[in-house]
Amino acid sequence: MGKHRRPGPSNQPSRAVPRVDADDPLAAYNKRRRPPMDLYRRHRPVHGGAGHLRPDEPRVLEEWTGFAYEVVGTAPSLAAAQEWGNELQIGDDSAT
């Protein structure tokens, strides 16, 4: 428990952002275009509040455009929103 210990479970990867490549002239620009916490799709309750409460209420679906999250639709429940969020795979071309 040193004072510089990374918080969180030891079996999860670090959330630290990789350093900028000095040889790539667009590296700093590409770093700024990454979504927060690498979430390309997210869902929010329509009426606000905690996401895990009221699972039967509709959700707003948002996708990362490279600059901000944009609303792309709605889902009727939490389960449908989570299914939509898990559709995007890491190697998918629409994530870039």
C-alpha atoms as a PDB file:
ATOM      1  CA  MET A   1       0.000   0.000   0.000  1.00  0.00           C
ATOM      2  CA  GLY A   2       2.546   2.575  -1.071  1.00  0.00           C
ATOM      3  CA  LYS A   3       1.429   6.120  -1.629  1.00  0.00           C
ATOM      4  CA  HIS A   4       1.862   5.808  -5.426  1.00  0.00           C
ATOM      5  CA  ARG A   5      -0.141   2.599  -5.759  1.00  0.00           C
ATOM      6  CA  ARG A   6      -2.685   2.528  -8.599  1.00  0.00           C
ATOM      7  CA  PRO A   7      -6.249   2.285  -7.244  1.00  0.00           C
ATOM      8  CA  GLY A   8      -8.471  -0.582  -8.267  1.00  0.00           C
ATOM      9  CA  PRO A   9      -8.178  -4.348  -8.497  1.00  0.00           C
ATOM     10  CA  SER A  10      -4.794  -5.766  -9.384  1.00  0.00           C
ATOM     11  CA  ASN A  11      -6.249  -7.987 -12.124  1.00  0.00           C
ATOM     12  CA  GLN A  12      -7.441  -5.041 -14.251  1.00  0.00           C
ATOM     13  CA  PRO A  13      -5.209  -3.224 -16.742  1.00  0.00           C
ATOM     14  CA  SER A  14      -4.060   0.285 -16.014  1.00  0.00           C
ATOM     15  CA  ARG A  15      -6.218   3.103 -17.350  1.00  0.00           C
ATOM     16  CA  ALA A  16      -3.171   5.246 -17.986  1.00  0.00           C
ATOM     17  CA  VAL A  17      -3.042   6.787 -21.450  1.00  0.00           C
ATOM     18  CA  PRO A  18      -0.048   5.671 -23.534  1.00  0.00           C
ATOM     19  CA  ARG A  19       2.623   8.259 -24.239  1.00  0.00           C
ATOM     20  CA  VAL A  20       2.579  10.250 -27.479  1.00  0.00           C
ATOM     21  CA  ASP A  21       4.759   8.804 -30.261  1.00  0.00           C
ATOM     22  CA  ALA A  22       7.404  11.403 -31.170  1.00  0.00           C
ATOM     23  CA  ASP A  23       7.700  10.089 -34.758  1.00  0.00           C
ATOM     24  CA  ASP A  24       4.003  10.479 -35.552  1.00  0.00           C
ATOM     25  CA  PRO A  25       3.075  14.123 -36.338  1.00  0.00           C
ATOM     26  CA  LEU A  26      -0.627  13.449 -35.632  1.00  0.00           C
ATOM     27  CA  ALA A  27      -0.106  11.529 -32.383  1.00  0.00           C
ATOM     28  CA  ALA A  28      -1.225  14.367 -30.088  1.00  0.00           C
ATOM     29  CA  TYR A  29      -4.305  14.973 -32.236  1.00  0.00           C
ATOM     30  CA  ASN A  30      -5.229  11.274 -32.233  1.00  0.00           C
ATOM     31  CA  LYS A  31      -4.765  11.126 -28.455  1.00  0.00           C
ATOM     32  CA  ARG A  32      -7.267  13.970 -27.983  1.00  0.00           C
ATOM     33  CA  ARG A  33      -9.818  12.187 -30.196  1.00  0.00           C
ATOM     34  CA  ARG A  34      -9.977   9.096 -27.987  1.00  0.00           C
ATOM     35  CA  PRO A  35     -13.218   8.806 -26.034  1.00  0.00           C
ATOM     36  CA  PRO A  36     -13.155   9.088 -22.255  1.00  0.00           C
ATOM     37  CA  MET A  37     -12.336   5.678 -20.723  1.00  0.00           C
ATOM     38  CA  ASP A  38     -12.319   4.184 -24.262  1.00  0.00           C
ATOM     39  CA  LEU A  39     -16.122   3.887 -24.354  1.00  0.00           C
ATOM     40  CA  TYR A  40     -17.271   4.312 -27.950  1.00  0.00           C
ATOM     41  CA  ARG A  41     -20.906   3.605 -27.049  1.00  0.00           C
ATOM     42  CA  ARG A  42     -22.752   4.503 -23.872  1.00  0.00           C
ATOM     43  CA  HIS A  43     -26.311   4.675 -22.617  1.00  0.00           C
ATOM     44  CA  ARG A  44     -27.945   7.040 -20.135  1.00  0.00           C
ATOM     45  CA  PRO A  45     -31.368   7.038 -18.452  1.00  0.00           C
ATOM     46  CA  VAL A  46     -33.767   9.393 -20.264  1.00  0.00           C
ATOM     47  CA  HIS A  47     -34.837  11.140 -17.057  1.00  0.00           C
ATOM     48  CA  GLY A  48     -31.394  11.179 -15.438  1.00  0.00           C
ATOM     49  CA  GLY A  49     -30.288   9.489 -12.268  1.00  0.00           C
ATOM     50  CA  ALA A  50     -28.241   6.378 -11.666  1.00  0.00           C
ATOM     51  CA  GLY A  51     -27.980   3.975 -14.586  1.00  0.00           C
ATOM     52  CA  HIS A  52     -28.669   0.835 -12.569  1.00  0.00           C
ATOM     53  CA  LEU A  53     -31.912   2.104 -11.041  1.00  0.00           C
ATOM     54  CA  ARG A  54     -35.313   1.633 -12.726  1.00  0.00           C
ATOM     55  CA  PRO A  55     -34.131  -0.922 -15.348  1.00  0.00           C
ATOM     56  CA  ASP A  56     -37.484  -0.833 -17.164  1.00  0.00           C
ATOM     57  CA  GLU A  57     -37.250   2.863 -18.105  1.00  0.00           C
ATOM     58  CA  PRO A  58     -36.018   3.978 -21.568  1.00  0.00           C
ATOM     59  CA  ARG A  59     -32.358   4.852 -22.234  1.00  0.00           C
ATOM     60  CA  VAL A  60     -30.673   7.326 -24.561  1.00  0.00           C
ATOM     61  CA  LEU A  61     -28.019   5.681 -26.756  1.00  0.00           C
ATOM     62  CA  GLU A  62     -24.889   7.713 -27.541  1.00  0.00           C
ATOM     63  CA  GLU A  63     -21.854   7.070 -29.786  1.00  0.00           C
ATOM     64  CA  TRP A  64     -18.451   8.754 -29.796  1.00  0.00           C
ATOM     65  CA  THR A  65     -17.879  10.728 -33.034  1.00  0.00           C
ATOM     66  CA  GLY A  66     -14.249  11.597 -32.426  1.00  0.00           C
ATOM     67  CA  PHE A  67     -15.062  14.889 -30.729  1.00  0.00           C
ATOM     68  CA  ALA A  68     -18.134  14.297 -28.540  1.00  0.00           C
ATOM     69  CA  TYR A  69     -20.920  11.833 -27.818  1.00  0.00           C
ATOM     70  CA  GLU A  70     -23.919  12.095 -30.180  1.00  0.00           C
ATOM     71  CA  VAL A  71     -27.385  10.727 -29.539  1.00  0.00           C
ATOM     72  CA  VAL A  72     -28.136   7.942 -32.043  1.00  0.00           C
ATOM     73  CA  GLY A  73     -31.360   6.506 -30.650  1.00  0.00           C
ATOM     74  CA  THR A  74     -33.220   5.129 -27.670  1.00  0.00           C
ATOM     75  CA  ALA A  75     -33.666   1.740 -26.053  1.00  0.00           C
ATOM     76  CA  PRO A  76     -36.800   0.611 -24.196  1.00  0.00           C
ATOM     77  CA  SER A  77     -34.927  -0.841 -21.196  1.00  0.00           C
ATOM     78  CA  LEU A  78     -31.562  -1.250 -19.520  1.00  0.00           C
ATOM     79  CA  ALA A  79     -31.122  -4.781 -20.915  1.00  0.00           C
ATOM     80  CA  ALA A  80     -31.687  -3.595 -24.503  1.00  0.00           C
ATOM     81  CA  ALA A  81     -29.266  -0.681 -24.000  1.00  0.00           C
ATOM     82  CA  GLN A  82     -26.563  -2.985 -22.629  1.00  0.00           C
ATOM     83  CA  GLU A  83     -27.024  -5.352 -25.562  1.00  0.00           C
ATOM     84  CA  TRP A  84     -26.620  -2.428 -27.987  1.00  0.00           C
ATOM     85  CA  GLY A  85     -23.493  -1.239 -26.162  1.00  0.00           C
ATOM     86  CA  ASN A  86     -21.907  -4.693 -26.334  1.00  0.00           C
ATOM     87  CA  GLU A  87     -22.498  -5.100 -30.098  1.00  0.00           C
ATOM     88  CA  LEU A  88     -19.453  -3.009 -31.017  1.00  0.00           C
ATOM     89  CA  GLN A  89     -16.360  -5.168 -31.120  1.00  0.00           C
ATOM     90  CA  ILE A  90     -12.830  -3.856 -30.587  1.00  0.00           C
ATOM     91  CA  GLY A  91     -11.688  -4.566 -34.149  1.00  0.00           C
ATOM     92  CA  ASP A  92     -14.795  -2.985 -35.725  1.00  0.00           C
ATOM     93  CA  ASP A  93     -14.129  -0.266 -38.327  1.00  0.00           C
ATOM     94  CA  SER A  94     -16.945   1.980 -37.055  1.00  0.00           C
ATOM     95  CA  ALA A  95     -15.022   2.608 -33.835  1.00  0.00           C
ATOM     96  CA  THR A  96     -12.307   4.641 -35.545  1.00  0.00           C
END
